[in-house]
Protein backbone atom coordinates (compact mmCIF):
# COMPACT_ATOMS: atom_id res chain seq x y z
CA UNK A 1 42.15 127.20 10.89
CA UNK A 2 44.24 130.65 12.33
CA UNK A 3 46.22 131.29 15.61
CA UNK A 4 43.38 133.99 16.57
CA UNK A 5 40.95 131.53 16.15
CA UNK A 6 42.51 128.99 18.21
CA UNK A 7 43.52 131.15 21.00
CA UNK A 8 39.78 132.32 21.26
CA UNK A 9 38.87 128.74 21.21
CA UNK A 10 41.15 128.01 23.96
CA UNK A 11 40.10 130.69 25.78
CA UNK A 12 36.45 130.84 25.66
CA UNK A 13 35.77 126.91 25.19
CA UNK A 14 35.27 125.13 28.43
CA UNK A 15 35.74 121.36 26.59
CA UNK A 16 38.64 120.51 25.53
CA UNK A 17 37.98 119.15 21.89
CA UNK A 18 40.91 117.93 19.26
CA UNK A 19 40.86 119.22 15.62
CA UNK A 20 39.70 115.86 14.78
CA UNK A 21 36.67 115.48 17.27
CA UNK A 22 35.97 119.14 16.28
CA UNK A 23 35.79 118.34 12.50
CA UNK A 24 33.52 114.91 12.95
CA UNK A 25 30.83 117.53 15.21
CA UNK A 26 31.14 120.06 11.83
CA UNK A 27 30.47 117.25 9.65
CA UNK A 28 27.57 115.89 11.95
CA UNK A 29 26.06 119.14 12.08
CA UNK A 30 25.99 120.16 8.58
CA UNK A 31 24.63 116.52 7.54
CA UNK A 32 21.60 117.34 9.80
CA UNK A 33 21.14 120.90 8.43
CA UNK A 34 21.30 119.42 4.87
CA UNK A 35 18.93 116.30 5.55
CA UNK A 36 16.03 118.81 7.65
CA UNK A 37 16.56 121.39 4.52
CA UNK A 38 16.18 118.63 1.79
CA UNK A 39 13.04 117.10 4.15
CA UNK A 40 11.01 119.96 5.18
CA UNK A 41 12.70 122.87 3.60
CA UNK A 42 13.18 124.86 6.96
CA UNK A 43 15.54 124.05 9.97
CA UNK A 44 15.60 125.93 13.13
CA UNK A 45 18.54 126.40 15.61
CA UNK A 46 17.92 126.46 19.08
CA UNK A 47 15.42 129.24 20.25
CA UNK A 48 16.62 132.83 19.28
CA UNK A 49 19.37 131.83 17.49
CA UNK A 50 18.32 131.88 13.63
CA UNK A 51 16.46 129.72 10.91
CA UNK A 52 17.61 127.98 7.91
CA UNK A 53 15.14 128.04 5.11
CA UNK A 54 15.56 126.96 1.20
CA UNK A 55 13.69 129.56 -1.19
CA UNK A 56 12.97 129.37 -4.87
CA UNK A 57 14.41 131.82 -6.98
CA UNK A 58 12.75 132.70 -10.11
CA UNK A 59 14.15 132.33 -13.57
CA UNK A 60 15.74 135.53 -14.83
CA UNK A 61 17.54 136.81 -17.76
CA UNK A 62 20.86 138.74 -17.51
CA UNK A 63 23.29 140.49 -19.52
CA UNK A 64 26.65 138.63 -20.42
CA UNK A 65 29.09 141.28 -19.01
CA UNK A 66 31.76 140.22 -22.05
CA UNK A 67 29.42 140.17 -24.85
CA UNK A 68 26.34 142.04 -23.28
CA UNK A 69 23.93 139.04 -25.06
CA UNK A 70 20.98 138.33 -22.93
CA UNK A 71 21.23 135.19 -20.85
CA UNK A 72 18.61 132.91 -19.33
CA UNK A 73 18.92 131.73 -15.70
CA UNK A 74 17.22 129.00 -14.95
CA UNK A 75 14.69 128.90 -11.71
CA UNK A 76 16.84 127.65 -8.87
CA UNK A 77 16.73 126.94 -5.08
CA UNK A 78 19.30 128.50 -2.58
CA UNK A 79 19.92 128.24 1.32
CA UNK A 80 18.73 131.43 3.39
CA UNK A 81 19.52 132.07 7.28
CA UNK A 82 17.63 134.72 8.85
CA UNK A 83 19.44 135.41 12.18
CA UNK A 84 17.56 135.38 15.37
CA UNK A 85 17.10 138.12 18.06
CA UNK A 86 19.21 136.72 20.49
CA UNK A 87 22.12 136.11 18.25
CA UNK A 88 21.54 139.39 16.61
CA UNK A 89 21.55 141.43 20.18
CA UNK A 90 24.67 139.19 21.62
CA UNK A 91 26.40 140.61 18.33
CA UNK A 92 25.49 143.81 18.52
CA UNK A 93 26.50 144.90 22.16
CA UNK A 94 29.92 143.16 20.94
CA UNK A 95 29.59 140.31 23.79
CA UNK A 96 30.12 137.32 20.91
CA UNK A 97 28.27 134.21 21.28
CA UNK A 98 29.82 132.80 24.43
CA UNK A 99 28.89 134.28 27.57
């Protein structure tokens, strides 16, 4: 983690967390999000922040950049994030997420 990020976290965060505690919170959050995506195909953050969803990308054909040969790319699933209005408004005003 960069020094700038560490200073920003200390200046704006009312809660003191050790790096290990923050890492554990992150790990738990990621597990919850991934389980919800696998179970339901989507996961919504608190109101106005955004939504994660799983979308299926259809099979396509692409050219290999070195040989020019046509290559079949199989159908696959991909995770998408759509930012909510509250999040985009905060970022557009330059205030960031922390009040």
